């Protein structure tokens, strides 16, 4: 019977054969990985939280996106953030959905604020670099 990080790595290896979009069907296994490796040395647990956030927000936002209801999309993201008490990378992921909505609505001021929130969480990961790029582009656009 494996214990600790050895158990976590073995479970991660088993889940590596599951498509990322189907990981939500394996929440008990993911919880077991987290219990076995609470420091998340491999980053697998954090990655699964990011994927879960993105998948759930895509599904929750789809009806409002089809309608072009930007205000409802923002409310949906804010509600999701509060309901799930997001922080760190999952919060960054949710904020990128919000940033995208502000960009679709052409609300530059709010998009800049949202980009700053994403950057504040982590400016060197992929999400932070993307937000920095968007911010620079928006600031250039404002100057024109």
N, C-alpha and C. Protein backbone atom coordinates (compact mmCIF):
# COMPACT_ATOMS: atom_id res chain seq x y z
N UNK A 1 0.85 -1.18 0.00
CA UNK A 1 0.00 0.00 0.00
C UNK A 1 0.89 1.24 0.00
N UNK A 2 0.78 2.06 -1.03
CA UNK A 2 1.59 3.27 -1.15
C UNK A 2 1.06 4.36 -0.22
N UNK A 3 1.97 5.22 0.23
CA UNK A 3 1.63 6.31 1.13
C UNK A 3 2.26 7.61 0.62
N UNK A 4 1.75 8.73 1.09
CA UNK A 4 2.36 10.04 0.85
C UNK A 4 2.55 10.37 -0.61
N UNK A 5 3.69 10.99 -0.88
CA UNK A 5 3.94 11.46 -2.25
C UNK A 5 4.06 10.32 -3.26
N UNK A 6 4.51 9.14 -2.81
CA UNK A 6 4.57 7.99 -3.73
C UNK A 6 3.16 7.65 -4.23
N UNK A 7 2.21 7.66 -3.30
CA UNK A 7 0.82 7.38 -3.66
C UNK A 7 0.30 8.47 -4.60
N UNK A 8 0.60 9.72 -4.28
CA UNK A 8 0.16 10.84 -5.12
C UNK A 8 0.69 10.70 -6.54
N UNK A 9 2.00 10.39 -6.67
CA UNK A 9 2.59 10.26 -8.01
C UNK A 9 1.94 9.12 -8.80
N UNK A 10 1.65 8.00 -8.12
CA UNK A 10 1.03 6.86 -8.80
C UNK A 10 -0.39 7.23 -9.27
N UNK A 11 -1.14 7.92 -8.43
CA UNK A 11 -2.49 8.36 -8.82
C UNK A 11 -2.42 9.37 -9.97
N UNK A 12 -1.45 10.27 -9.89
CA UNK A 12 -1.27 11.24 -10.98
C UNK A 12 -0.96 10.53 -12.29
N UNK A 13 -0.12 9.50 -12.21
CA UNK A 13 0.23 8.75 -13.43
C UNK A 13 -1.02 8.10 -14.01
N UNK A 14 -1.85 7.53 -13.14
CA UNK A 14 -3.10 6.91 -13.61
C UNK A 14 -4.00 7.94 -14.27
N UNK A 15 -4.10 9.13 -13.67
CA UNK A 15 -4.96 10.17 -14.24
C UNK A 15 -4.37 10.83 -15.48
N UNK A 16 -3.09 10.60 -15.72
CA UNK A 16 -2.47 11.21 -16.90
C UNK A 16 -3.06 10.66 -18.20
N UNK A 17 -3.73 9.52 -18.11
CA UNK A 17 -4.37 8.91 -19.28
C UNK A 17 -5.78 9.44 -19.51
N UNK A 18 -6.27 10.23 -18.56
CA UNK A 18 -7.62 10.79 -18.65
C UNK A 18 -7.52 12.16 -19.31
N UNK A 19 -8.37 12.46 -20.29
CA UNK A 19 -8.34 13.79 -20.90
C UNK A 19 -8.55 14.88 -19.82
N UNK A 20 -7.84 16.00 -19.95
CA UNK A 20 -7.92 17.09 -18.95
C UNK A 20 -9.37 17.53 -18.74
N UNK A 21 -10.15 17.54 -19.81
CA UNK A 21 -11.53 18.00 -19.70
C UNK A 21 -12.41 17.01 -18.93
N UNK A 22 -11.94 15.79 -18.72
CA UNK A 22 -12.73 14.79 -18.00
C UNK A 22 -12.26 14.60 -16.56
N UNK A 23 -11.29 15.39 -16.11
CA UNK A 23 -10.77 15.23 -14.75
C UNK A 23 -11.83 15.48 -13.68
N UNK A 24 -12.83 16.30 -13.99
CA UNK A 24 -13.87 16.59 -12.99
C UNK A 24 -14.63 15.33 -12.58
N UNK A 25 -14.57 14.30 -13.39
CA UNK A 25 -15.24 13.04 -13.05
C UNK A 25 -14.43 12.21 -12.06
N UNK A 26 -13.25 12.70 -11.71
CA UNK A 26 -12.36 11.97 -10.82
C UNK A 26 -11.99 12.79 -9.58
N UNK A 27 -12.97 13.51 -9.05
CA UNK A 27 -12.73 14.41 -7.92
C UNK A 27 -12.23 13.66 -6.68
N UNK A 28 -12.73 12.46 -6.44
CA UNK A 28 -12.28 11.70 -5.26
C UNK A 28 -10.80 11.33 -5.38
N UNK A 29 -10.38 10.97 -6.57
CA UNK A 29 -8.97 10.63 -6.78
C UNK A 29 -8.10 11.87 -6.63
N UNK A 30 -8.57 12.99 -7.16
CA UNK A 30 -7.82 14.24 -7.04
C UNK A 30 -7.73 14.66 -5.57
N UNK A 31 -8.81 14.49 -4.83
CA UNK A 31 -8.79 14.79 -3.39
C UNK A 31 -7.80 13.88 -2.66
N UNK A 32 -7.73 12.63 -3.07
CA UNK A 32 -6.78 11.69 -2.48
C UNK A 32 -5.34 12.11 -2.78
N UNK A 33 -5.11 12.60 -3.98
CA UNK A 33 -3.78 13.11 -4.34
C UNK A 33 -3.42 14.28 -3.44
N UNK A 34 -4.38 15.17 -3.22
CA UNK A 34 -4.13 16.34 -2.38
C UNK A 34 -3.85 15.94 -0.92
N UNK A 35 -4.58 14.95 -0.43
CA UNK A 35 -4.34 14.47 0.94
C UNK A 35 -2.96 13.80 1.05
N UNK A 36 -2.57 13.10 0.00
CA UNK A 36 -1.28 12.39 0.01
C UNK A 36 -0.10 13.34 -0.21
N UNK A 37 -0.36 14.46 -0.87
CA UNK A 37 0.70 15.42 -1.16
C UNK A 37 0.16 16.84 -0.93
N UNK A 38 -0.06 17.21 0.34
CA UNK A 38 -0.67 18.51 0.63
C UNK A 38 0.15 19.70 0.15
N UNK A 39 1.45 19.52 -0.05
CA UNK A 39 2.29 20.61 -0.55
C UNK A 39 2.25 20.72 -2.08
N UNK A 40 1.57 19.78 -2.72
CA UNK A 40 1.40 19.77 -4.17
C UNK A 40 2.73 19.94 -4.89
N UNK A 41 3.67 19.08 -4.54
CA UNK A 41 5.03 19.17 -5.07
C UNK A 41 5.08 19.08 -6.60
N UNK A 42 4.17 18.34 -7.20
CA UNK A 42 4.18 18.19 -8.65
C UNK A 42 3.35 19.27 -9.35
N UNK A 43 2.51 19.96 -8.60
CA UNK A 43 1.65 20.98 -9.19
C UNK A 43 0.38 20.40 -9.80
N UNK A 44 0.20 19.09 -9.67
CA UNK A 44 -0.96 18.43 -10.29
C UNK A 44 -2.28 18.94 -9.70
N UNK A 45 -2.34 19.06 -8.38
CA UNK A 45 -3.59 19.49 -7.74
C UNK A 45 -3.96 20.91 -8.18
N UNK A 46 -2.99 21.81 -8.17
CA UNK A 46 -3.25 23.18 -8.61
C UNK A 46 -3.70 23.21 -10.06
N UNK A 47 -3.05 22.43 -10.89
CA UNK A 47 -3.42 22.35 -12.30
C UNK A 47 -4.85 21.84 -12.47
N UNK A 48 -5.24 20.86 -11.65
CA UNK A 48 -6.60 20.33 -11.75
C UNK A 48 -7.62 21.37 -11.29
N UNK A 49 -7.26 22.20 -10.30
CA UNK A 49 -8.16 23.27 -9.86
C UNK A 49 -8.34 24.33 -10.96
N UNK A 50 -7.26 24.63 -11.65
CA UNK A 50 -7.33 25.59 -12.76
C UNK A 50 -8.25 25.05 -13.85
N UNK A 51 -8.06 23.78 -14.19
CA UNK A 51 -8.88 23.15 -15.23
C UNK A 51 -10.35 23.12 -14.82
N UNK A 52 -10.61 22.78 -13.56
CA UNK A 52 -11.98 22.73 -13.05
C UNK A 52 -12.63 24.11 -13.12
N UNK A 53 -11.90 25.13 -12.71
CA UNK A 53 -12.42 26.50 -12.75
C UNK A 53 -12.78 26.88 -14.18
N UNK A 54 -11.88 26.63 -15.11
CA UNK A 54 -12.12 27.00 -16.50
C UNK A 54 -13.32 26.25 -17.08
N UNK A 55 -13.40 24.97 -16.81
CA UNK A 55 -14.51 24.16 -17.34
C UNK A 55 -15.85 24.61 -16.78
N UNK A 56 -15.90 24.79 -15.46
CA UNK A 56 -17.16 25.20 -14.83
C UNK A 56 -17.59 26.60 -15.27
N UNK A 57 -16.64 27.51 -15.41
CA UNK A 57 -17.00 28.85 -15.86
C UNK A 57 -17.47 28.85 -17.31
N UNK A 58 -16.81 28.07 -18.16
CA UNK A 58 -17.26 27.98 -19.56
C UNK A 58 -18.71 27.52 -19.63
N UNK A 59 -19.04 26.50 -18.86
CA UNK A 59 -20.41 25.98 -18.86
C UNK A 59 -21.40 26.99 -18.29
N UNK A 60 -21.02 27.65 -17.20
CA UNK A 60 -21.92 28.60 -16.55
C UNK A 60 -22.14 29.85 -17.41
N UNK A 61 -21.14 30.23 -18.17
CA UNK A 61 -21.21 31.46 -18.94
C UNK A 61 -21.83 31.27 -20.33
N UNK A 62 -21.88 30.07 -20.81
CA UNK A 62 -22.32 29.81 -22.19
C UNK A 62 -23.66 30.45 -22.56
N UNK A 63 -24.71 30.30 -21.73
CA UNK A 63 -25.99 30.90 -22.13
C UNK A 63 -25.92 32.43 -22.25
N UNK A 64 -25.17 33.06 -21.36
CA UNK A 64 -25.06 34.53 -21.38
C UNK A 64 -24.17 35.00 -22.51
N UNK A 65 -23.19 34.19 -22.85
CA UNK A 65 -22.29 34.52 -23.95
C UNK A 65 -23.07 34.52 -25.27
N UNK A 66 -23.93 33.52 -25.43
CA UNK A 66 -24.74 33.43 -26.65
C UNK A 66 -25.64 34.65 -26.80
N UNK A 67 -26.11 35.18 -25.68
CA UNK A 67 -26.99 36.36 -25.70
C UNK A 67 -26.20 37.66 -25.82
N UNK A 68 -24.90 37.59 -25.56
CA UNK A 68 -24.08 38.80 -25.55
C UNK A 68 -24.34 39.66 -24.33
N UNK A 69 -24.80 39.02 -23.25
CA UNK A 69 -25.14 39.73 -22.01
C UNK A 69 -23.88 39.86 -21.14
N UNK A 70 -23.11 40.91 -21.40
CA UNK A 70 -21.83 41.10 -20.71
C UNK A 70 -21.99 41.32 -19.21
N UNK A 71 -23.00 42.06 -18.83
CA UNK A 71 -23.21 42.33 -17.40
C UNK A 71 -23.47 41.02 -16.65
N UNK A 72 -24.30 40.17 -17.21
CA UNK A 72 -24.60 38.88 -16.57
C UNK A 72 -23.36 38.00 -16.50
N UNK A 73 -22.50 38.09 -17.51
CA UNK A 73 -21.26 37.31 -17.52
C UNK A 73 -20.35 37.73 -16.37
N UNK A 74 -20.23 39.04 -16.17
CA UNK A 74 -19.39 39.55 -15.08
C UNK A 74 -19.95 39.12 -13.73
N UNK A 75 -21.26 39.23 -13.57
CA UNK A 75 -21.91 38.80 -12.32
C UNK A 75 -21.66 37.32 -12.08
N UNK A 76 -21.75 36.51 -13.13
CA UNK A 76 -21.55 35.07 -13.02
C UNK A 76 -20.12 34.76 -12.55
N UNK A 77 -19.14 35.43 -13.12
CA UNK A 77 -17.74 35.20 -12.73
C UNK A 77 -17.53 35.64 -11.28
N UNK A 78 -18.02 36.82 -10.94
CA UNK A 78 -17.87 37.32 -9.56
C UNK A 78 -18.52 36.37 -8.56
N UNK A 79 -19.69 35.88 -8.90
CA UNK A 79 -20.39 34.93 -8.02
C UNK A 79 -19.58 33.64 -7.86
N UNK A 80 -19.04 33.15 -8.96
CA UNK A 80 -18.24 31.92 -8.93
C UNK A 80 -17.01 32.11 -8.03
N UNK A 81 -16.35 33.25 -8.17
CA UNK A 81 -15.16 33.55 -7.37
C UNK A 81 -15.51 33.54 -5.89
N UNK A 82 -16.60 34.19 -5.53
CA UNK A 82 -17.01 34.26 -4.13
C UNK A 82 -17.47 32.90 -3.61
N UNK A 83 -18.27 32.22 -4.40
CA UNK A 83 -18.83 30.93 -3.98
C UNK A 83 -17.72 29.90 -3.73
N UNK A 84 -16.72 29.90 -4.57
CA UNK A 84 -15.64 28.91 -4.46
C UNK A 84 -14.42 29.42 -3.70
N UNK A 85 -14.51 30.67 -3.23
CA UNK A 85 -13.41 31.26 -2.45
C UNK A 85 -12.06 31.08 -3.16
N UNK A 86 -12.05 31.45 -4.43
CA UNK A 86 -10.85 31.25 -5.25
C UNK A 86 -9.71 32.15 -4.80
N UNK A 87 -8.52 31.62 -4.95
CA UNK A 87 -7.30 32.38 -4.73
C UNK A 87 -6.21 31.79 -5.61
N UNK A 88 -5.13 32.53 -5.76
CA UNK A 88 -4.00 32.04 -6.54
C UNK A 88 -4.33 31.81 -8.00
N UNK A 89 -3.79 30.72 -8.55
CA UNK A 89 -3.95 30.42 -9.97
C UNK A 89 -5.42 30.23 -10.40
N UNK A 90 -6.25 29.52 -9.63
CA UNK A 90 -7.65 29.42 -10.04
C UNK A 90 -8.34 30.80 -10.09
N UNK A 91 -8.00 31.70 -9.16
CA UNK A 91 -8.57 33.05 -9.20
C UNK A 91 -8.10 33.78 -10.46
N UNK A 92 -6.83 33.62 -10.78
CA UNK A 92 -6.30 34.23 -12.00
C UNK A 92 -7.08 33.74 -13.22
N UNK A 93 -7.35 32.45 -13.25
CA UNK A 93 -8.08 31.86 -14.37
C UNK A 93 -9.47 32.48 -14.49
N UNK A 94 -10.17 32.59 -13.36
CA UNK A 94 -11.51 33.19 -13.36
C UNK A 94 -11.44 34.65 -13.81
N UNK A 95 -10.44 35.36 -13.33
CA UNK A 95 -10.30 36.77 -13.70
C UNK A 95 -10.03 36.93 -15.20
N UNK A 96 -9.37 35.96 -15.81
CA UNK A 96 -9.16 36.03 -17.26
C UNK A 96 -10.49 35.92 -18.02
N UNK A 97 -11.42 35.15 -17.49
CA UNK A 97 -12.75 35.10 -18.09
C UNK A 97 -13.41 36.48 -18.00
N UNK A 98 -13.24 37.11 -16.85
CA UNK A 98 -13.79 38.45 -16.64
C UNK A 98 -13.12 39.45 -17.57
N UNK A 99 -11.81 39.36 -17.68
CA UNK A 99 -11.05 40.24 -18.58
C UNK A 99 -11.55 40.09 -20.01
N UNK A 100 -11.74 38.86 -20.44
CA UNK A 100 -12.25 38.61 -21.79
C UNK A 100 -13.61 39.23 -22.01
N UNK A 101 -14.45 39.19 -20.99
CA UNK A 101 -15.78 39.78 -21.09
C UNK A 101 -15.68 41.29 -21.23
N UNK A 102 -14.82 41.91 -20.42
CA UNK A 102 -14.63 43.36 -20.53
C UNK A 102 -14.11 43.74 -21.91
N UNK A 103 -13.24 42.91 -22.46
CA UNK A 103 -12.70 43.19 -23.79
C UNK A 103 -13.81 43.08 -24.85
N UNK A 104 -14.66 42.05 -24.72
CA UNK A 104 -15.78 41.91 -25.67
C UNK A 104 -16.72 43.10 -25.58
N UNK A 105 -16.92 43.61 -24.35
CA UNK A 105 -17.82 44.74 -24.14
C UNK A 105 -17.13 46.07 -24.48
N UNK A 106 -15.85 46.01 -24.83
CA UNK A 106 -15.05 47.20 -25.14
C UNK A 106 -15.01 48.17 -23.95
N UNK A 107 -15.00 47.60 -22.74
CA UNK A 107 -14.91 48.39 -21.52
C UNK A 107 -13.43 48.41 -21.10
N UNK A 108 -12.70 49.33 -21.71
CA UNK A 108 -11.24 49.38 -21.55
C UNK A 108 -10.84 49.66 -20.10
N UNK A 109 -11.52 50.59 -19.44
CA UNK A 109 -11.17 50.95 -18.07
C UNK A 109 -11.25 49.74 -17.13
N UNK A 110 -12.35 49.00 -17.20
CA UNK A 110 -12.51 47.81 -16.35
C UNK A 110 -11.56 46.69 -16.76
N UNK A 111 -11.30 46.60 -18.06
CA UNK A 111 -10.36 45.58 -18.54
C UNK A 111 -8.97 45.84 -17.97
N UNK A 112 -8.57 47.09 -17.93
CA UNK A 112 -7.26 47.44 -17.36
C UNK A 112 -7.20 47.10 -15.88
N UNK A 113 -8.27 47.38 -15.14
CA UNK A 113 -8.31 47.05 -13.71
C UNK A 113 -8.22 45.54 -13.51
N UNK A 114 -8.95 44.81 -14.33
CA UNK A 114 -8.96 43.35 -14.23
C UNK A 114 -7.58 42.78 -14.58
N UNK A 115 -6.96 43.32 -15.61
CA UNK A 115 -5.61 42.88 -15.99
C UNK A 115 -4.64 43.11 -14.83
N UNK A 116 -4.77 44.25 -14.16
CA UNK A 116 -3.92 44.53 -13.00
C UNK A 116 -4.13 43.50 -11.89
N UNK A 117 -5.38 43.09 -11.67
CA UNK A 117 -5.66 42.07 -10.65
C UNK A 117 -4.95 40.76 -10.99
N UNK A 118 -5.02 40.37 -12.26
CA UNK A 118 -4.38 39.12 -12.71
C UNK A 118 -2.87 39.22 -12.51
N UNK A 119 -2.30 40.34 -12.90
CA UNK A 119 -0.86 40.55 -12.81
C UNK A 119 -0.40 40.56 -11.35
N UNK A 120 -1.21 41.14 -10.47
CA UNK A 120 -0.87 41.21 -9.04
C UNK A 120 -0.75 39.82 -8.43
N UNK A 121 -1.58 38.90 -8.86
CA UNK A 121 -1.55 37.54 -8.32
C UNK A 121 -0.23 36.85 -8.68
N UNK A 122 0.13 36.93 -9.96
CA UNK A 122 1.38 36.32 -10.42
C UNK A 122 1.69 36.89 -11.79
N UNK A 123 2.75 37.66 -11.87
CA UNK A 123 3.06 38.32 -13.14
C UNK A 123 3.97 37.52 -14.05
N UNK A 124 4.48 36.37 -13.56
CA UNK A 124 5.43 35.62 -14.39
C UNK A 124 4.87 34.33 -14.99
N UNK A 125 3.70 33.88 -14.52
CA UNK A 125 3.14 32.68 -15.15
C UNK A 125 2.45 33.07 -16.46
N UNK A 126 1.96 32.09 -17.17
CA UNK A 126 1.36 32.33 -18.49
C UNK A 126 0.18 33.29 -18.41
N UNK A 127 -0.67 33.14 -17.40
CA UNK A 127 -1.83 34.02 -17.25
C UNK A 127 -1.39 35.45 -16.96
N UNK A 128 -0.40 35.60 -16.11
CA UNK A 128 0.10 36.94 -15.78
C UNK A 128 0.75 37.62 -16.97
N UNK A 129 1.52 36.86 -17.74
CA UNK A 129 2.16 37.43 -18.93
C UNK A 129 1.11 37.82 -19.97
N UNK A 130 0.07 37.00 -20.10
CA UNK A 130 -1.00 37.33 -21.04
C UNK A 130 -1.68 38.63 -20.62
N UNK A 131 -1.99 38.76 -19.33
CA UNK A 131 -2.64 39.98 -18.84
C UNK A 131 -1.74 41.19 -19.05
N UNK A 132 -0.45 41.03 -18.87
CA UNK A 132 0.50 42.13 -19.11
C UNK A 132 0.48 42.55 -20.58
N UNK A 133 0.44 41.56 -21.46
CA UNK A 133 0.40 41.85 -22.89
C UNK A 133 -0.89 42.60 -23.25
N UNK A 134 -2.01 42.13 -22.72
CA UNK A 134 -3.30 42.78 -22.98
C UNK A 134 -3.28 44.21 -22.46
N UNK A 135 -2.75 44.38 -21.25
CA UNK A 135 -2.69 45.72 -20.66
C UNK A 135 -1.87 46.67 -21.53
N UNK A 136 -0.70 46.22 -21.97
CA UNK A 136 0.14 47.07 -22.82
C UNK A 136 -0.59 47.45 -24.11
N UNK A 137 -1.26 46.49 -24.69
CA UNK A 137 -2.00 46.74 -25.94
C UNK A 137 -3.13 47.75 -25.70
N UNK A 138 -3.84 47.60 -24.58
CA UNK A 138 -4.94 48.53 -24.27
C UNK A 138 -4.42 49.94 -23.99
N UNK A 139 -3.30 50.04 -23.30
CA UNK A 139 -2.72 51.35 -23.00
C UNK A 139 -2.27 52.04 -24.30
N UNK A 140 -1.68 51.27 -25.21
CA UNK A 140 -1.29 51.83 -26.52
C UNK A 140 -2.52 52.32 -27.28
N UNK A 141 -3.58 51.54 -27.21
CA UNK A 141 -4.82 51.91 -27.90
C UNK A 141 -5.40 53.20 -27.32
N UNK A 142 -5.32 53.36 -25.99
CA UNK A 142 -5.82 54.56 -25.34
C UNK A 142 -5.03 55.80 -25.76
N UNK A 143 -3.74 55.64 -26.00
CA UNK A 143 -2.88 56.76 -26.37
C UNK A 143 -3.18 57.27 -27.78
N UNK A 144 -3.73 56.44 -28.60
CA UNK A 144 -3.98 56.82 -30.01
C UNK A 144 -5.14 57.77 -30.14
